[in-house]
Structure formats: structure tokens, C-alpha cells
């Protein structure tokens, strides 16, 4: 038989074997218990919706009690059992109580999705220590608290998946998002390290690294500095050619949870940005420096921080 035929058959066999192994690892989501943080809007609500449609029992949390109640009612419409609670993930005591309550009601937590986050945008001159502390408290410490609280139960059962929504901003730190990038970089490092720490335990960790997303439902983003100019600049992240559809991202994330994938970039540009940073860090830094020169300068009010209602930019 021609050598090319043998090579083609071998390649086909390898692809089929890879696909079969991947399918074998894929978990059935129906009947699983999932906890999603920051699940009242944007990507978090979309992920929770996908899990509800897949037949999961749900626990969701966020800080705004009214939004949590509305999201819980909406998700219950899919026929799932839903527990909705107002919880600040930056409070370790509240997080511990939430995990205990979810386990008491549903018996276990099979899937934990750490999605809660906050975004402040603006030049460094207008950022304060409080901005950095707040970003770390929610985007990083919130991820750590929930993970450490849920892990004992997962380890005991030798089963479970922790999915951490980080950001391309944690891989490539861009101007005017410094507190956010620092917090997401810490969350990514924790998530990737957790994957190694959990090897052989039966518990999986999925690190998700999305590009800019069009969520269409974020009620406010905190803009500092020249706020109108910052809003105009960052609203370009809504453009279809430079951002990712949030529904498609949610479907991809839920599929990754079912398969137990380790690292999941969302959007071609996320992969390109990561590779560019790895292959040419000096050039990337120079390009970002040039980008900074084109962005709005600082304002005279260093502590001004205004939520802009109806903003649709979500940088997870």
C-alpha cells in the first residue's frame, strides 16, 4: 500500500483516538450542582443559563440583592432548582457560609464557576490604592475564597470542577486597566497553579482567558480620569470585529467544564495577544507604550469614580 495512504490512515486514526478520548472525559452535566458567582448579568448570567439548560441545579450569588432575586426567578424558568443569595465574595466569612448553605441544600457542589469581578478604567494618575485593593479583593481574593471553601467537599468525593474566569488582561497588561490586570493576573496564576496542585485528586480546574466581550447587560463600569473620553474609548470594545459574542463564549466555557479542559482562551485575538506577548515581550511593551500615548490623559480629580449606567463593555 502506498506510504501516503498509510500516513493518511495513521493521521485519521490519531484524530479519531483523540476525539474518542476527549468524549470519554466529557461529563454529563444533567443532575450536577453548580455554583456561579457574579451570575446576575453579563457572562455570569449566560453561563448560569447554559448550565440550567443542561439540567444542572444552580446556586448563584452577587452583591445586589434585587438583581440576585430577579436572576434566580429567570433561571428557575428553565426548570432547574435554583438558590439565589446576595453575597460579597470579598468577604471570606460570607463565602464560607454560602458554601455551607449550598452543600446543605443540594448535598454537594460539583461545579464552581468563579466569574464575579469589577472593572475600573482610567490612567494610573487617577487610580488610588483603594482601587487596587478593591480589584484584588473581588477578582482575586473572591476566586481564592470560594475555591478553598469548596475544595474540601470536592476532595472528599474525589470529584468536581472549578472554573476560573480570568482575562487576557491578566496575560497582557494594557494601559488604563492596571488594577484590573493585576487582579486578573493573580487569579490566573492561582488557577494555573491549582490545576497542578489538584493532579490525581479527581478534581479538575479550568482556566478561562477571554478577550473583550459584548455582554450588553453591564449596568455600570467605573471610569476614572476624563470619564467621557474614557467611556468613548472603551466603548469601542463593543465592535463585533474586535470583541467576542458573550453567548458563544458562555457555550464554549460550559463545554470546557464538561470536558475538563485545562486552559481555554476565548476569541482568536486572545490567543494572538498571548502568543505575541510570549514571543516578543519587548516589542509588545513598546506597542502598548505607544497605545498609551493615544489615550486620554488624567483629570484634575484623582478620586473621581462614576459608574456609567447602561455601559456594555465587559473585559473578563
Protein backbone atom coordinates (compact mmCIF):
# COMPACT_ATOMS: atom_id res chain seq x y z
CA UNK A 1 0.00 0.00 0.00
CA UNK A 2 1.23 3.46 -0.84
CA UNK A 3 3.11 5.13 2.03
CA UNK A 4 0.89 8.20 1.74
CA UNK A 5 -2.18 6.04 2.30
CA UNK A 6 -0.60 4.57 5.43
CA UNK A 7 0.28 8.03 6.69
CA UNK A 8 -3.23 9.29 6.00
CA UNK A 9 -4.79 6.33 7.78
CA UNK A 10 -2.46 6.84 10.73
CA UNK A 11 -3.34 10.53 10.97
CA UNK A 12 -7.05 9.74 10.74
CA UNK A 13 -6.68 7.11 13.44
CA UNK A 14 -4.89 9.59 15.71
CA UNK A 15 -7.66 12.17 15.25
CA UNK A 16 -10.37 9.60 15.93
CA UNK A 17 -8.49 8.39 19.02
CA UNK A 18 -8.10 11.93 20.31
CA UNK A 19 -11.79 12.65 19.75
CA UNK A 20 -12.85 9.41 21.46
CA UNK A 21 -10.62 10.11 24.47
CA UNK A 22 -12.00 13.62 24.73
CA UNK A 23 -15.58 12.36 24.59
CA UNK A 24 -14.79 9.77 27.24
CA UNK A 25 -13.60 12.53 29.59
CA UNK A 26 -16.72 14.63 28.97
CA UNK A 27 -19.04 14.69 31.94
CA UNK A 28 -22.82 14.57 31.80
CA UNK A 29 -23.99 17.88 33.26
CA UNK A 30 -27.61 16.88 33.93
CA UNK A 31 -28.16 16.44 37.65
CA UNK A 32 -24.96 18.23 38.63
CA UNK A 33 -24.90 21.03 41.20
CA UNK A 34 -23.26 24.28 40.02
CA UNK A 35 -22.41 27.47 41.91
CA UNK A 36 -21.82 30.56 39.76
CA UNK A 37 -20.58 33.83 41.29
CA UNK A 38 -21.42 37.18 39.69
CA UNK A 39 -24.32 35.45 37.95
CA UNK A 40 -26.92 38.23 37.73
CA UNK A 41 -25.81 39.75 34.43
CA UNK A 42 -23.34 39.59 31.58
CA UNK A 43 -21.20 36.49 31.13
CA UNK A 44 -22.07 35.05 34.55
CA UNK A 45 -25.81 35.01 33.83
CA UNK A 46 -25.18 33.47 30.43
CA UNK A 47 -23.04 30.69 31.93
CA UNK A 48 -25.67 30.03 34.59
CA UNK A 49 -28.34 29.89 31.86
CA UNK A 50 -26.33 27.38 29.85
CA UNK A 51 -25.87 25.21 32.95
CA UNK A 52 -29.60 25.44 33.75
CA UNK A 53 -30.48 24.40 30.20
CA UNK A 54 -28.07 21.45 30.56
CA UNK A 55 -30.04 20.28 33.60
CA UNK A 56 -27.87 21.48 36.49
CA UNK A 57 -29.21 22.51 39.88
CA UNK A 58 -27.98 26.04 40.46
CA UNK A 59 -26.73 28.28 43.22
CA UNK A 60 -25.95 31.85 42.19
CA UNK A 61 -24.66 34.88 44.04
CA UNK A 62 -23.86 38.55 43.53
CA UNK A 63 -23.82 41.65 45.71
CA UNK A 64 -27.08 43.30 44.64
CA UNK A 65 -29.99 41.56 46.39
CA UNK A 66 -32.61 42.78 43.89
CA UNK A 67 -30.61 41.61 40.89
CA UNK A 68 -29.93 38.26 42.54
CA UNK A 69 -33.65 37.71 43.12
CA UNK A 70 -34.54 38.59 39.53
CA UNK A 71 -31.81 36.35 38.11
CA UNK A 72 -32.92 33.48 40.33
CA UNK A 73 -36.51 33.74 39.09
CA UNK A 74 -35.35 33.90 35.49
CA UNK A 75 -33.13 30.81 35.85
CA UNK A 76 -35.86 28.86 37.64
CA UNK A 77 -37.89 29.24 34.45
CA UNK A 78 -35.65 26.63 32.83
CA UNK A 79 -36.95 24.05 35.30
CA UNK A 80 -33.83 23.97 37.43
CA UNK A 81 -33.73 24.09 41.21
CA UNK A 82 -32.18 27.48 41.97
CA UNK A 83 -30.79 29.03 45.16
CA UNK A 84 -30.02 32.75 44.84
CA UNK A 85 -28.14 34.67 47.52
CA UNK A 86 -26.74 38.17 47.97
CA UNK A 87 -23.06 37.59 48.84
CA UNK A 88 -19.93 39.71 48.60
CA UNK A 89 -17.20 37.29 47.51
CA UNK A 90 -14.53 39.55 49.01
CA UNK A 91 -15.84 38.56 52.48
CA UNK A 92 -14.36 35.15 53.41
CA UNK A 93 -16.88 34.59 56.22
CA UNK A 94 -19.84 35.22 53.90
CA UNK A 95 -18.28 32.96 51.28
CA UNK A 96 -17.82 30.15 53.79
CA UNK A 97 -21.44 30.46 54.88
CA UNK A 98 -22.58 30.37 51.25
CA UNK A 99 -20.65 27.18 50.51
CA UNK A 100 -22.04 25.55 53.67
CA UNK A 101 -25.59 26.54 52.69
CA UNK A 102 -25.26 25.23 49.14
CA UNK A 103 -23.85 21.92 50.34
CA UNK A 104 -26.58 21.63 52.99
CA UNK A 105 -29.34 22.23 50.44
CA UNK A 106 -28.02 20.27 47.46
CA UNK A 107 -25.69 17.83 49.20
CA UNK A 108 -22.59 18.84 47.28
CA UNK A 109 -21.03 21.26 44.78
CA UNK A 110 -19.98 19.61 41.53
CA UNK A 111 -19.11 22.76 39.58
CA UNK A 112 -17.84 26.10 40.86
CA UNK A 113 -17.62 28.97 38.37
CA UNK A 114 -15.70 31.98 39.68
CA UNK A 115 -16.96 34.81 37.50
CA UNK A 116 -17.51 37.75 39.90
CA UNK A 117 -15.38 40.75 39.02
CA UNK A 118 -15.07 44.52 38.94
CA UNK A 119 -13.56 46.85 36.33
CA UNK A 120 -12.07 50.32 36.87
CA UNK A 121 -10.70 52.12 33.84
CA UNK A 122 -8.55 55.20 33.68
CA UNK A 123 -4.96 56.45 33.81
CA UNK A 124 -2.68 55.43 36.67
CA UNK A 125 -2.53 59.03 37.89
CA UNK A 126 -6.23 58.83 38.75
CA UNK A 127 -6.08 55.41 40.41
CA UNK A 128 -5.79 55.10 44.19
CA UNK A 129 -4.64 52.33 46.48
CA UNK A 130 -8.31 51.69 47.21
CA UNK A 131 -8.88 50.86 43.53
CA UNK A 132 -6.12 48.25 43.57
CA UNK A 133 -7.37 46.79 46.86
CA UNK A 134 -10.94 46.55 45.59
CA UNK A 135 -9.96 44.88 42.32
CA UNK A 136 -7.80 42.34 44.16
CA UNK A 137 -10.47 41.78 46.83
CA UNK A 138 -13.09 40.74 44.29
CA UNK A 139 -11.26 39.48 41.19
CA UNK A 140 -8.53 37.57 43.04
CA UNK A 141 -9.44 37.02 46.70
CA UNK A 142 -13.05 36.25 45.77
CA UNK A 143 -11.79 33.48 43.49
CA UNK A 144 -9.46 32.18 46.18
CA UNK A 145 -12.05 32.22 48.99
CA UNK A 146 -14.71 30.31 47.06
CA UNK A 147 -12.21 27.78 45.70
CA UNK A 148 -10.69 26.99 49.10
CA UNK A 149 -14.14 26.74 50.70
CA UNK A 150 -15.49 24.36 48.04
CA UNK A 151 -12.37 22.19 47.73
CA UNK A 152 -12.71 20.06 50.90
CA UNK A 153 -16.05 18.66 49.75
CA UNK A 154 -14.73 18.05 46.23
CA UNK A 155 -11.58 16.36 47.51
CA UNK A 156 -13.61 14.15 49.82
CA UNK A 157 -15.74 12.95 46.89
CA UNK A 158 -12.72 12.89 44.56
CA UNK A 159 -14.84 14.72 42.03
CA UNK A 160 -15.60 18.29 40.99
CA UNK A 161 -14.65 21.12 38.64
CA UNK A 162 -13.52 24.64 39.48
CA UNK A 163 -13.73 27.05 36.54
CA UNK A 164 -11.99 30.41 36.94
CA UNK A 165 -12.85 33.24 34.54
CA UNK A 166 -9.64 35.26 34.26
CA UNK A 167 -8.84 37.62 31.38
CA UNK A 168 -6.45 38.39 28.57
CA UNK A 169 -5.77 41.46 30.73
CA UNK A 170 -4.09 39.08 33.18
CA UNK A 171 -1.78 37.88 30.40
CA UNK A 172 -1.11 41.19 28.65
CA UNK A 173 -1.42 44.21 30.94
CA UNK A 174 -2.81 47.11 28.95
CA UNK A 175 -2.86 50.83 29.82
CA UNK A 176 -5.78 52.24 31.85
CA UNK A 177 -6.69 48.84 33.33
CA UNK A 178 -3.84 48.42 35.78
CA UNK A 179 -5.79 47.41 38.96
CA UNK A 180 -7.89 45.02 36.88
CA UNK A 181 -4.88 43.49 35.11
CA UNK A 182 -3.02 42.98 38.40
CA UNK A 183 -6.01 41.21 39.96
CA UNK A 184 -6.69 39.03 36.92
CA UNK A 185 -3.00 38.09 36.65
CA UNK A 186 -3.11 36.91 40.26
CA UNK A 187 -6.31 34.95 39.57
CA UNK A 188 -4.75 33.32 36.51
CA UNK A 189 -1.62 32.34 38.43
CA UNK A 190 -3.75 30.84 41.19
CA UNK A 191 -5.90 28.94 38.69
CA UNK A 192 -2.98 27.51 36.75
CA UNK A 193 -1.19 26.55 39.95
CA UNK A 194 -4.36 24.96 41.31
CA UNK A 195 -4.51 22.73 38.23
CA UNK A 196 -1.09 21.32 39.13
CA UNK A 197 -1.89 21.04 42.83
CA UNK A 198 -5.04 19.01 42.13
CA UNK A 199 -3.35 16.43 39.89
CA UNK A 200 -4.55 12.94 40.80
CA UNK A 201 -7.23 14.20 43.19
CA UNK A 202 -10.18 13.71 40.85
CA UNK A 203 -10.89 17.47 40.98
CA UNK A 204 -10.42 19.49 37.81
CA UNK A 205 -9.53 23.15 37.36
CA UNK A 206 -10.37 25.07 34.18
CA UNK A 207 -8.65 28.41 33.48
CA UNK A 208 -10.64 30.58 31.07
CA UNK A 209 -8.93 33.55 29.39
CA UNK A 210 -11.43 35.63 27.40
CA UNK A 211 -10.87 38.55 25.06
CA UNK A 212 -13.20 41.61 25.10
CA UNK A 213 -16.83 40.53 25.15
CA UNK A 214 -20.14 42.04 24.12
CA UNK A 215 -22.35 41.28 27.11
CA UNK A 216 -24.91 44.06 26.58
CA UNK A 217 -26.08 43.93 30.20
CA UNK A 218 -23.48 45.51 32.48
CA UNK A 219 -25.22 48.34 34.40
CA UNK A 220 -22.02 50.22 35.14
CA UNK A 221 -18.29 50.33 34.61
CA UNK A 222 -16.19 52.62 36.83
CA UNK A 223 -14.46 55.29 34.77
CA UNK A 224 -11.77 57.50 36.25
CA UNK A 225 -9.91 60.44 34.80
CA UNK A 226 -11.57 62.10 31.83
CA UNK A 227 -14.66 59.98 32.17
CA UNK A 228 -16.46 60.88 28.94
CA UNK A 229 -13.31 60.30 26.92
CA UNK A 230 -12.65 57.01 28.73
CA UNK A 231 -16.19 55.84 28.02
CA UNK A 232 -15.87 56.71 24.35
CA UNK A 233 -12.54 54.89 24.13
CA UNK A 234 -13.57 51.69 25.87
CA UNK A 235 -16.94 51.51 24.16
CA UNK A 236 -15.03 50.57 21.01
CA UNK A 237 -14.72 47.17 22.70
CA UNK A 238 -18.33 46.58 21.65
CA UNK A 239 -17.44 46.45 17.97
CA UNK A 240 -18.08 42.94 16.55
CA UNK A 241 -14.73 42.74 14.76
CA UNK A 242 -12.74 43.32 17.96
CA UNK A 243 -14.90 41.56 20.55
CA UNK A 244 -16.46 38.19 21.28
CA UNK A 245 -20.15 37.33 21.41
CA UNK A 246 -20.92 36.57 25.07
CA UNK A 247 -23.47 33.83 24.32
CA UNK A 248 -20.93 31.99 22.22
CA UNK A 249 -18.33 32.45 24.95
CA UNK A 250 -20.70 31.02 27.56
CA UNK A 251 -21.37 27.94 25.42
CA UNK A 252 -17.65 27.41 24.92
CA UNK A 253 -16.99 27.72 28.67
CA UNK A 254 -19.73 25.24 29.62
CA UNK A 255 -18.40 22.81 27.02
CA UNK A 256 -14.92 23.18 28.54
CA UNK A 257 -16.34 22.45 32.00
CA UNK A 258 -17.97 19.27 30.72
CA UNK A 259 -14.72 18.18 29.09
CA UNK A 260 -12.46 19.21 31.96
CA UNK A 261 -10.20 21.28 29.72
CA UNK A 262 -7.27 22.92 31.46
CA UNK A 263 -6.76 26.18 29.55
CA UNK A 264 -9.45 27.85 27.45
CA UNK A 265 -8.74 31.06 25.50
CA UNK A 266 -11.91 32.76 24.27
CA UNK A 267 -11.50 34.55 20.96
CA UNK A 268 -8.79 34.35 18.32
CA UNK A 269 -7.41 37.72 19.41
CA UNK A 270 -6.85 36.39 22.94
CA UNK A 271 -4.65 33.63 21.55
CA UNK A 272 -2.79 36.03 19.25
CA UNK A 273 -2.18 38.54 22.04
CA UNK A 274 -0.87 35.84 24.35
CA UNK A 275 1.46 34.42 21.69
CA UNK A 276 2.72 37.88 20.73
CA UNK A 277 3.50 38.63 24.38
CA UNK A 278 5.35 35.31 24.75
CA UNK A 279 7.32 35.57 21.51
CA UNK A 280 8.15 39.29 21.58
CA UNK A 281 7.69 40.76 25.05
CA UNK A 282 9.85 43.81 24.33
CA UNK A 283 8.00 44.67 21.13
CA UNK A 284 4.65 44.14 22.87
CA UNK A 285 5.67 46.51 25.66
CA UNK A 286 6.70 49.17 23.14
CA UNK A 287 3.42 48.84 21.25
CA UNK A 288 1.45 49.22 24.48
CA UNK A 289 3.51 52.29 25.34
CA UNK A 290 2.58 53.84 22.00
CA UNK A 291 -1.06 52.95 22.65
CA UNK A 292 -0.88 54.79 25.97
CA UNK A 293 0.20 57.99 24.18
CA UNK A 294 -3.06 57.97 22.21
CA UNK A 295 -5.31 57.50 25.24
CA UNK A 296 -6.96 60.22 27.37
CA UNK A 297 -4.77 61.90 29.94
CA UNK A 298 -5.50 62.21 33.68
CA UNK A 299 -8.05 64.59 35.15
CA UNK A 300 -7.60 67.06 37.99
CA UNK A 301 -9.82 64.96 40.26
CA UNK A 302 -7.80 61.88 41.15
CA UNK A 303 -10.52 60.18 43.19
CA UNK A 304 -13.50 60.75 40.88
CA UNK A 305 -15.16 57.44 40.08
CA UNK A 306 -18.51 57.40 38.35
CA UNK A 307 -20.48 54.29 37.36
CA UNK A 308 -21.81 54.77 33.85
CA UNK A 309 -25.26 53.19 33.69
CA UNK A 310 -26.00 51.14 30.62
CA UNK A 311 -22.38 50.55 29.60
CA UNK A 312 -21.99 47.32 27.65
CA UNK A 313 -18.26 46.71 27.82
CA UNK A 314 -17.16 43.61 29.71
CA UNK A 315 -13.47 42.77 29.87
CA UNK A 316 -13.23 39.40 31.54
